[in-house]
Structure formats: C-alpha cells, structure tokens
N, C-alpha and C. Protein backbone atom coordinates (compact mmCIF):
# COMPACT_ATOMS: atom_id res chain seq x y z
N MET A 1 30.96 -1.31 58.54
CA MET A 1 31.87 -0.48 57.79
C MET A 1 31.92 0.91 58.38
N GLY A 2 33.03 1.58 58.31
CA GLY A 2 33.13 2.95 58.75
C GLY A 2 33.42 3.11 60.22
N GLY A 3 33.54 2.02 60.98
CA GLY A 3 33.84 2.12 62.41
C GLY A 3 35.31 2.42 62.64
N VAL A 4 35.60 2.95 63.80
CA VAL A 4 36.97 3.27 64.15
C VAL A 4 37.53 2.13 64.98
N VAL A 5 38.66 1.58 64.55
CA VAL A 5 39.29 0.47 65.26
C VAL A 5 40.68 0.92 65.68
N PRO A 6 41.01 0.78 66.98
CA PRO A 6 42.34 1.18 67.42
C PRO A 6 43.41 0.28 66.80
N LEU A 7 44.56 0.86 66.52
CA LEU A 7 45.67 0.11 65.93
C LEU A 7 46.44 -0.64 67.01
N SER A 8 47.00 -1.77 66.62
CA SER A 8 47.87 -2.50 67.54
C SER A 8 49.19 -1.75 67.66
N GLU A 9 50.02 -2.14 68.62
CA GLU A 9 51.31 -1.46 68.80
C GLU A 9 52.18 -1.60 67.55
N HIS A 10 52.16 -2.79 66.96
CA HIS A 10 52.96 -3.03 65.76
C HIS A 10 52.49 -2.12 64.62
N GLU A 11 51.17 -2.01 64.44
CA GLU A 11 50.63 -1.16 63.38
C GLU A 11 50.94 0.31 63.65
N GLN A 12 50.90 0.73 64.93
CA GLN A 12 51.24 2.11 65.27
C GLN A 12 52.69 2.41 64.93
N ARG A 13 53.59 1.46 65.25
CA ARG A 13 55.01 1.65 64.92
C ARG A 13 55.20 1.76 63.41
N GLN A 14 54.52 0.88 62.65
CA GLN A 14 54.64 0.93 61.20
C GLN A 14 54.13 2.26 60.65
N LEU A 15 53.01 2.74 61.18
CA LEU A 15 52.45 4.01 60.75
C LEU A 15 53.41 5.15 61.05
N GLU A 16 54.03 5.14 62.22
CA GLU A 16 54.99 6.19 62.57
C GLU A 16 56.20 6.16 61.65
N GLN A 17 56.66 4.96 61.27
CA GLN A 17 57.78 4.85 60.35
C GLN A 17 57.41 5.41 58.97
N ILE A 18 56.20 5.11 58.53
CA ILE A 18 55.74 5.62 57.24
C ILE A 18 55.65 7.14 57.29
N GLU A 19 55.10 7.67 58.40
CA GLU A 19 54.99 9.12 58.55
C GLU A 19 56.36 9.78 58.53
N GLN A 20 57.33 9.20 59.24
CA GLN A 20 58.67 9.78 59.29
C GLN A 20 59.31 9.78 57.91
N ALA A 21 59.13 8.69 57.16
CA ALA A 21 59.68 8.63 55.81
C ALA A 21 59.02 9.68 54.92
N LEU A 22 57.72 9.85 55.08
CA LEU A 22 57.01 10.85 54.29
C LEU A 22 57.48 12.26 54.64
N TYR A 23 57.70 12.53 55.91
CA TYR A 23 58.18 13.85 56.34
C TYR A 23 59.58 14.12 55.78
N ARG A 24 60.42 13.08 55.72
CA ARG A 24 61.77 13.27 55.17
C ARG A 24 61.71 13.56 53.67
N GLU A 25 60.81 12.86 52.95
CA GLU A 25 60.73 13.03 51.51
C GLU A 25 60.07 14.35 51.11
N ASP A 26 59.05 14.78 51.85
CA ASP A 26 58.34 16.00 51.50
C ASP A 26 58.05 16.81 52.76
N PRO A 27 59.01 17.62 53.22
CA PRO A 27 58.86 18.36 54.47
C PRO A 27 57.67 19.33 54.47
N LYS A 28 57.38 19.94 53.32
CA LYS A 28 56.26 20.88 53.26
C LYS A 28 54.94 20.16 53.53
N PHE A 29 54.76 19.01 52.91
CA PHE A 29 53.56 18.22 53.14
C PHE A 29 53.52 17.72 54.58
N GLY A 30 54.68 17.37 55.11
CA GLY A 30 54.77 16.91 56.50
C GLY A 30 54.31 17.97 57.48
N ARG A 31 54.71 19.22 57.25
CA ARG A 31 54.26 20.32 58.13
C ARG A 31 52.76 20.50 58.03
N LEU A 32 52.23 20.38 56.82
CA LEU A 32 50.79 20.53 56.62
C LEU A 32 50.02 19.43 57.36
N VAL A 33 50.49 18.20 57.27
CA VAL A 33 49.83 17.08 57.94
C VAL A 33 49.97 17.21 59.45
N ARG A 34 51.13 17.57 59.92
CA ARG A 34 51.34 17.72 61.36
C ARG A 34 50.46 18.80 61.95
N SER A 35 50.23 19.87 61.19
CA SER A 35 49.42 20.96 61.72
C SER A 35 47.98 20.53 61.93
N SER A 36 47.52 19.47 61.27
CA SER A 36 46.16 19.00 61.46
C SER A 36 46.08 17.81 62.42
N ASP A 37 47.21 17.37 62.95
CA ASP A 37 47.24 16.23 63.86
C ASP A 37 46.89 16.70 65.28
N PRO A 38 45.83 16.15 65.89
CA PRO A 38 45.44 16.60 67.23
C PRO A 38 46.49 16.31 68.30
N ARG A 39 47.33 15.30 68.08
CA ARG A 39 48.37 15.00 69.06
C ARG A 39 49.37 16.14 69.15
N VAL A 40 49.68 16.75 67.99
CA VAL A 40 50.61 17.87 67.97
C VAL A 40 50.02 19.06 68.71
N HIS A 41 48.74 19.33 68.47
CA HIS A 41 48.08 20.43 69.16
C HIS A 41 48.07 20.20 70.67
N TYR A 42 47.78 18.97 71.07
CA TYR A 42 47.74 18.65 72.50
C TYR A 42 49.11 18.85 73.13
N LYS A 43 50.16 18.36 72.49
CA LYS A 43 51.51 18.51 73.03
C LYS A 43 51.90 19.98 73.13
N ARG A 44 51.54 20.76 72.11
CA ARG A 44 51.85 22.19 72.13
C ARG A 44 51.12 22.89 73.28
N LYS A 45 49.84 22.59 73.45
CA LYS A 45 49.08 23.21 74.54
C LYS A 45 49.63 22.80 75.89
N LEU A 46 50.03 21.55 76.01
CA LEU A 46 50.59 21.07 77.27
C LEU A 46 51.90 21.79 77.58
N ALA A 47 52.75 21.97 76.59
CA ALA A 47 54.02 22.68 76.80
C ALA A 47 53.76 24.13 77.18
N GLN A 48 52.80 24.77 76.54
CA GLN A 48 52.47 26.15 76.88
C GLN A 48 51.92 26.24 78.31
N ALA A 49 51.11 25.27 78.70
CA ALA A 49 50.56 25.28 80.06
C ALA A 49 51.67 25.09 81.10
N VAL A 50 52.63 24.22 80.81
CA VAL A 50 53.75 24.02 81.74
C VAL A 50 54.56 25.30 81.88
N ILE A 51 54.79 25.98 80.77
CA ILE A 51 55.51 27.26 80.82
C ILE A 51 54.71 28.28 81.64
N GLY A 52 53.40 28.31 81.44
CA GLY A 52 52.54 29.21 82.20
C GLY A 52 52.58 28.92 83.69
N ILE A 53 52.59 27.65 84.05
CA ILE A 53 52.68 27.27 85.47
C ILE A 53 54.03 27.71 86.04
N ALA A 54 55.10 27.53 85.26
CA ALA A 54 56.43 27.95 85.73
C ALA A 54 56.50 29.47 85.90
N VAL A 55 55.94 30.22 84.96
CA VAL A 55 55.93 31.68 85.07
C VAL A 55 55.11 32.10 86.29
N GLY A 56 53.96 31.47 86.48
CA GLY A 56 53.14 31.78 87.64
C GLY A 56 53.84 31.48 88.95
N ALA A 57 54.52 30.35 89.00
CA ALA A 57 55.27 30.00 90.21
C ALA A 57 56.40 30.99 90.44
N GLY A 58 57.05 31.43 89.37
CA GLY A 58 58.12 32.43 89.50
C GLY A 58 57.59 33.75 90.02
N LEU A 59 56.45 34.19 89.50
CA LEU A 59 55.85 35.44 89.99
C LEU A 59 55.43 35.30 91.46
N LEU A 60 54.88 34.14 91.79
CA LEU A 60 54.48 33.90 93.18
C LEU A 60 55.69 33.94 94.11
N ALA A 61 56.77 33.29 93.69
CA ALA A 61 57.99 33.29 94.52
C ALA A 61 58.57 34.70 94.63
N ALA A 62 58.56 35.44 93.53
CA ALA A 62 59.07 36.82 93.56
C ALA A 62 58.23 37.68 94.49
N GLY A 63 56.93 37.46 94.49
CA GLY A 63 56.05 38.20 95.37
C GLY A 63 56.29 37.88 96.83
N VAL A 64 56.57 36.62 97.12
CA VAL A 64 56.85 36.22 98.51
C VAL A 64 58.17 36.83 98.97
N VAL A 65 59.18 36.80 98.12
CA VAL A 65 60.50 37.31 98.49
C VAL A 65 60.46 38.83 98.68
N THR A 66 59.78 39.53 97.77
CA THR A 66 59.77 40.99 97.83
C THR A 66 58.61 41.55 98.66
N HIS A 67 57.78 40.69 99.19
CA HIS A 67 56.62 41.08 99.99
C HIS A 67 55.67 41.98 99.21
N ARG A 68 55.48 41.66 97.93
CA ARG A 68 54.54 42.42 97.08
C ARG A 68 53.30 41.54 96.87
N LEU A 69 52.21 41.97 97.41
CA LEU A 69 50.97 41.19 97.34
C LEU A 69 50.48 41.05 95.90
N TYR A 70 50.62 42.11 95.09
CA TYR A 70 50.13 42.04 93.72
C TYR A 70 50.91 41.00 92.90
N LEU A 71 52.21 40.83 93.17
CA LEU A 71 52.99 39.79 92.47
C LEU A 71 52.52 38.40 92.89
N GLU A 72 52.26 38.23 94.17
CA GLU A 72 51.77 36.93 94.65
C GLU A 72 50.43 36.60 94.01
N ALA A 73 49.53 37.60 93.97
CA ALA A 73 48.20 37.38 93.39
C ALA A 73 48.32 37.08 91.89
N ALA A 74 49.14 37.84 91.19
CA ALA A 74 49.32 37.62 89.75
C ALA A 74 49.93 36.25 89.49
N GLY A 75 50.93 35.88 90.28
CA GLY A 75 51.56 34.57 90.11
C GLY A 75 50.59 33.43 90.36
N ALA A 76 49.79 33.55 91.42
CA ALA A 76 48.81 32.51 91.72
C ALA A 76 47.77 32.43 90.61
N ALA A 77 47.34 33.59 90.11
CA ALA A 77 46.33 33.59 89.04
C ALA A 77 46.88 32.97 87.76
N VAL A 78 48.09 33.35 87.38
CA VAL A 78 48.69 32.80 86.15
C VAL A 78 48.89 31.29 86.28
N ALA A 79 49.40 30.85 87.42
CA ALA A 79 49.62 29.41 87.62
C ALA A 79 48.30 28.65 87.62
N LEU A 80 47.29 29.21 88.26
CA LEU A 80 45.99 28.54 88.32
C LEU A 80 45.35 28.46 86.94
N LEU A 81 45.39 29.56 86.19
CA LEU A 81 44.82 29.55 84.84
C LEU A 81 45.55 28.59 83.92
N ALA A 82 46.87 28.53 84.03
CA ALA A 82 47.65 27.60 83.21
C ALA A 82 47.33 26.16 83.58
N LEU A 83 47.16 25.90 84.87
CA LEU A 83 46.80 24.56 85.31
C LEU A 83 45.42 24.17 84.80
N ILE A 84 44.47 25.09 84.87
CA ILE A 84 43.13 24.81 84.35
C ILE A 84 43.19 24.55 82.85
N TRP A 85 43.98 25.34 82.14
CA TRP A 85 44.12 25.15 80.70
C TRP A 85 44.70 23.77 80.38
N ALA A 86 45.69 23.35 81.17
CA ALA A 86 46.29 22.02 80.95
C ALA A 86 45.25 20.93 81.17
N VAL A 87 44.46 21.05 82.22
CA VAL A 87 43.46 20.02 82.53
C VAL A 87 42.38 19.99 81.45
N VAL A 88 41.92 21.16 81.01
CA VAL A 88 40.89 21.21 79.96
C VAL A 88 41.43 20.62 78.66
N SER A 89 42.66 20.95 78.31
CA SER A 89 43.28 20.38 77.09
C SER A 89 43.40 18.88 77.20
N TRP A 90 43.78 18.39 78.36
CA TRP A 90 43.92 16.95 78.57
C TRP A 90 42.58 16.25 78.43
N ARG A 91 41.54 16.85 79.01
CA ARG A 91 40.20 16.24 78.92
C ARG A 91 39.70 16.23 77.48
N ARG A 92 39.93 17.31 76.76
CA ARG A 92 39.51 17.34 75.36
C ARG A 92 40.26 16.29 74.55
N HIS A 93 41.54 16.15 74.83
CA HIS A 93 42.33 15.13 74.13
C HIS A 93 41.78 13.74 74.42
N LEU A 94 41.49 13.47 75.69
CA LEU A 94 40.93 12.17 76.05
C LEU A 94 39.56 11.96 75.43
N ALA A 95 38.77 13.01 75.33
CA ALA A 95 37.44 12.89 74.73
C ALA A 95 37.55 12.50 73.26
N ARG A 96 38.62 12.92 72.59
CA ARG A 96 38.82 12.52 71.20
C ARG A 96 39.36 11.10 71.08
N VAL A 97 40.15 10.70 72.05
CA VAL A 97 40.79 9.39 71.98
C VAL A 97 39.85 8.28 72.48
N ARG A 98 39.15 8.54 73.56
CA ARG A 98 38.30 7.52 74.18
C ARG A 98 37.14 7.05 73.32
N PRO A 99 36.43 7.92 72.59
CA PRO A 99 35.30 7.41 71.81
C PRO A 99 35.71 6.34 70.82
N ALA A 100 36.89 6.46 70.24
CA ALA A 100 37.33 5.44 69.28
C ALA A 100 37.50 4.11 69.98
N ARG A 101 38.09 4.12 71.16
CA ARG A 101 38.26 2.88 71.91
C ARG A 101 36.93 2.36 72.43
N ALA A 102 36.07 3.27 72.90
CA ALA A 102 34.78 2.86 73.44
C ALA A 102 33.90 2.27 72.34
N LYS A 103 33.92 2.88 71.15
CA LYS A 103 33.11 2.37 70.05
C LYS A 103 33.57 0.97 69.65
N ALA A 104 34.88 0.76 69.62
CA ALA A 104 35.40 -0.56 69.24
C ALA A 104 34.99 -1.60 70.27
N SER A 105 35.10 -1.28 71.56
CA SER A 105 34.74 -2.25 72.58
C SER A 105 33.22 -2.41 72.67
N ALA A 106 32.46 -1.34 72.47
CA ALA A 106 31.00 -1.42 72.51
C ALA A 106 30.47 -2.22 71.34
N LYS A 107 31.12 -2.08 70.19
CA LYS A 107 30.68 -2.83 69.02
C LYS A 107 30.83 -4.33 69.28
N GLY A 108 31.93 -4.72 69.91
CA GLY A 108 32.12 -6.13 70.25
C GLY A 108 31.12 -6.59 71.30
N ALA A 109 30.85 -5.75 72.29
CA ALA A 109 29.90 -6.11 73.33
C ALA A 109 28.48 -6.12 72.79
N LYS A 110 28.14 -5.19 71.91
CA LYS A 110 26.79 -5.14 71.35
C LYS A 110 26.54 -6.36 70.48
N GLY A 111 27.57 -6.77 69.74
CA GLY A 111 27.43 -7.95 68.91
C GLY A 111 27.18 -9.19 69.75
N ALA A 112 27.78 -9.24 70.93
CA ALA A 112 27.59 -10.38 71.80
C ALA A 112 26.22 -10.36 72.44
N LYS A 113 25.72 -9.17 72.83
CA LYS A 113 24.43 -9.07 73.50
C LYS A 113 23.29 -9.10 72.49
N GLY A 114 23.45 -8.32 71.41
CA GLY A 114 22.41 -8.28 70.40
C GLY A 114 21.23 -7.42 70.80
N GLN A 115 21.37 -6.57 71.81
CA GLN A 115 20.27 -5.72 72.23
C GLN A 115 20.77 -4.31 72.47
N GLY A 116 19.84 -3.40 72.70
CA GLY A 116 20.21 -2.01 72.95
C GLY A 116 19.91 -1.16 71.75
N ARG A 117 19.55 0.09 72.02
CA ARG A 117 19.25 1.02 70.95
C ARG A 117 20.52 1.58 70.37
N PRO A 118 20.49 1.90 69.10
CA PRO A 118 21.67 2.53 68.51
C PRO A 118 21.84 3.93 69.07
N GLY A 119 23.10 4.37 69.14
CA GLY A 119 23.42 5.68 69.68
C GLY A 119 23.06 6.78 68.71
N PRO A 120 23.30 8.02 69.10
CA PRO A 120 22.95 9.15 68.26
C PRO A 120 23.72 9.18 66.95
N GLY A 121 24.91 8.64 66.90
CA GLY A 121 25.70 8.65 65.67
C GLY A 121 25.41 7.48 64.76
N HIS A 122 24.46 6.62 65.15
CA HIS A 122 24.21 5.40 64.39
C HIS A 122 23.67 5.70 62.99
N SER A 123 22.71 6.62 62.87
CA SER A 123 22.12 6.90 61.57
C SER A 123 23.16 7.48 60.62
N ALA A 124 24.05 8.33 61.13
CA ALA A 124 25.11 8.89 60.29
C ALA A 124 26.07 7.80 59.85
N GLN A 125 26.34 6.84 60.74
CA GLN A 125 27.24 5.75 60.38
C GLN A 125 26.61 4.87 59.32
N THR A 126 25.31 4.58 59.44
CA THR A 126 24.67 3.73 58.43
C THR A 126 24.60 4.46 57.09
N ARG A 127 24.36 5.79 57.13
CA ARG A 127 24.35 6.55 55.88
C ARG A 127 25.72 6.49 55.21
N ARG A 128 26.77 6.66 56.02
CA ARG A 128 28.13 6.59 55.45
C ARG A 128 28.41 5.20 54.89
N ALA A 129 27.95 4.18 55.61
CA ALA A 129 28.18 2.81 55.14
C ALA A 129 27.45 2.57 53.82
N ARG A 130 26.21 3.05 53.72
CA ARG A 130 25.46 2.88 52.47
C ARG A 130 26.13 3.65 51.34
N MET A 131 26.62 4.86 51.64
CA MET A 131 27.28 5.65 50.62
C MET A 131 28.54 4.92 50.13
N MET A 132 29.30 4.36 51.07
CA MET A 132 30.51 3.64 50.68
C MET A 132 30.16 2.41 49.84
N GLU A 133 29.09 1.72 50.21
CA GLU A 133 28.67 0.56 49.42
C GLU A 133 28.29 0.97 48.01
N ARG A 134 27.55 2.10 47.89
CA ARG A 134 27.18 2.59 46.55
C ARG A 134 28.42 2.95 45.74
N MET A 135 29.38 3.62 46.39
CA MET A 135 30.60 4.00 45.67
C MET A 135 31.39 2.76 45.22
N GLU A 136 31.47 1.76 46.10
CA GLU A 136 32.18 0.54 45.73
C GLU A 136 31.48 -0.18 44.59
N GLU A 137 30.14 -0.20 44.63
CA GLU A 137 29.39 -0.84 43.55
C GLU A 137 29.61 -0.11 42.22
N ARG A 138 29.61 1.22 42.26
CA ARG A 138 29.87 1.99 41.05
C ARG A 138 31.27 1.71 40.52
N TRP A 139 32.24 1.61 41.41
CA TRP A 139 33.62 1.33 41.02
C TRP A 139 33.70 -0.04 40.34
N ARG A 140 33.03 -1.03 40.96
CA ARG A 140 33.03 -2.38 40.37
C ARG A 140 32.41 -2.35 38.97
N ARG A 141 31.29 -1.64 38.81
CA ARG A 141 30.65 -1.57 37.50
C ARG A 141 31.55 -0.91 36.47
N ARG A 142 32.26 0.14 36.87
CA ARG A 142 33.19 0.79 35.95
C ARG A 142 34.31 -0.14 35.52
N GLN A 143 34.85 -0.87 36.53
CA GLN A 143 35.94 -1.78 36.23
C GLN A 143 35.48 -2.90 35.30
N GLU A 144 34.30 -3.43 35.56
CA GLU A 144 33.77 -4.50 34.70
C GLU A 144 33.42 -3.97 33.32
N GLY A 145 32.90 -2.75 33.25
CA GLY A 145 32.55 -2.15 31.97
C GLY A 145 33.76 -1.85 31.13
N GLY A 146 34.89 -1.55 31.73
CA GLY A 146 36.11 -1.24 31.01
C GLY A 146 36.76 -2.47 30.43
N ARG A 147 36.48 -3.63 30.99
CA ARG A 147 37.10 -4.88 30.49
C ARG A 147 36.39 -5.44 29.29
N MET A 148 35.14 -5.14 29.12
CA MET A 148 34.34 -5.75 28.05
C MET A 148 34.65 -5.17 26.73
C-alpha cells in the first residue's frame, strides 16, 4: 500500500480530461491546482531558459557585429547561465519522475527475487501503510457501528 504506480496512457488521457473539465467548471481552483503541479513549473522554467539563451545569443551576435568585447562576454555568460539553468531544471524534473517509475519496477523485481535490504524510504512507507490500515479499520468500525 502507498506505492507509486505510473498510469497507463489511457488513464493519463482520462485524468487530463477530468482536469480540463474541472478547470472549465472552477477556474480559480484550476489555477490553484496548476500552481502546485511540477510539470507547470518545469515548463515555465524551460521557457524562461530558452528566452535567456535567445537573449544571450542576441547579445553575443551584437557584440560580434559591433566589435564590443563586453557585449560578447555578457552574451556568452547569459546564454551559458540560461543553458545551465535549463539542464538543472531538466535533471530535477527527471529526478521527480524517475523514482516513481523506478519504485514500480523495483517493487516487481524485488517481489520476484525476494532478497535485498529495504531502501531508506522503506520504514516511512511501512509507517504510512500501517497508518492507512488503522484509518481503514476505524472507518469500517464506524460504518458497522452506525448500522446496528
């Protein structure tokens, strides 16, 4: 319980349709949800990095044309920093996406092997699983108690 499982393409499409319908019905809530979505942050950072690279390339070209060394240096620096920012953002995005896929595939492989020590997040996962089991048990008791 509590593991992250990647969605199939069909499930992803369904989720996107549900999200779009929700955004149409309640735009304020949609903006709030989108602001917490890491995909939106990644796309925004990528767009900003591309703009930074374009500005840097423009400054570099202007420096070459006008024979101004400071423009060339500033353009190269801006383009390089924007490129580094894009790469760092991409790696962070992948670091968030890959663990979910790796955990799902490792869980299947670990079940087949049956050996290996649990990872550092294992104790937190078991605590969450136990907590969820306790909550479900309490819910069942409440439901059964209400019927009697």
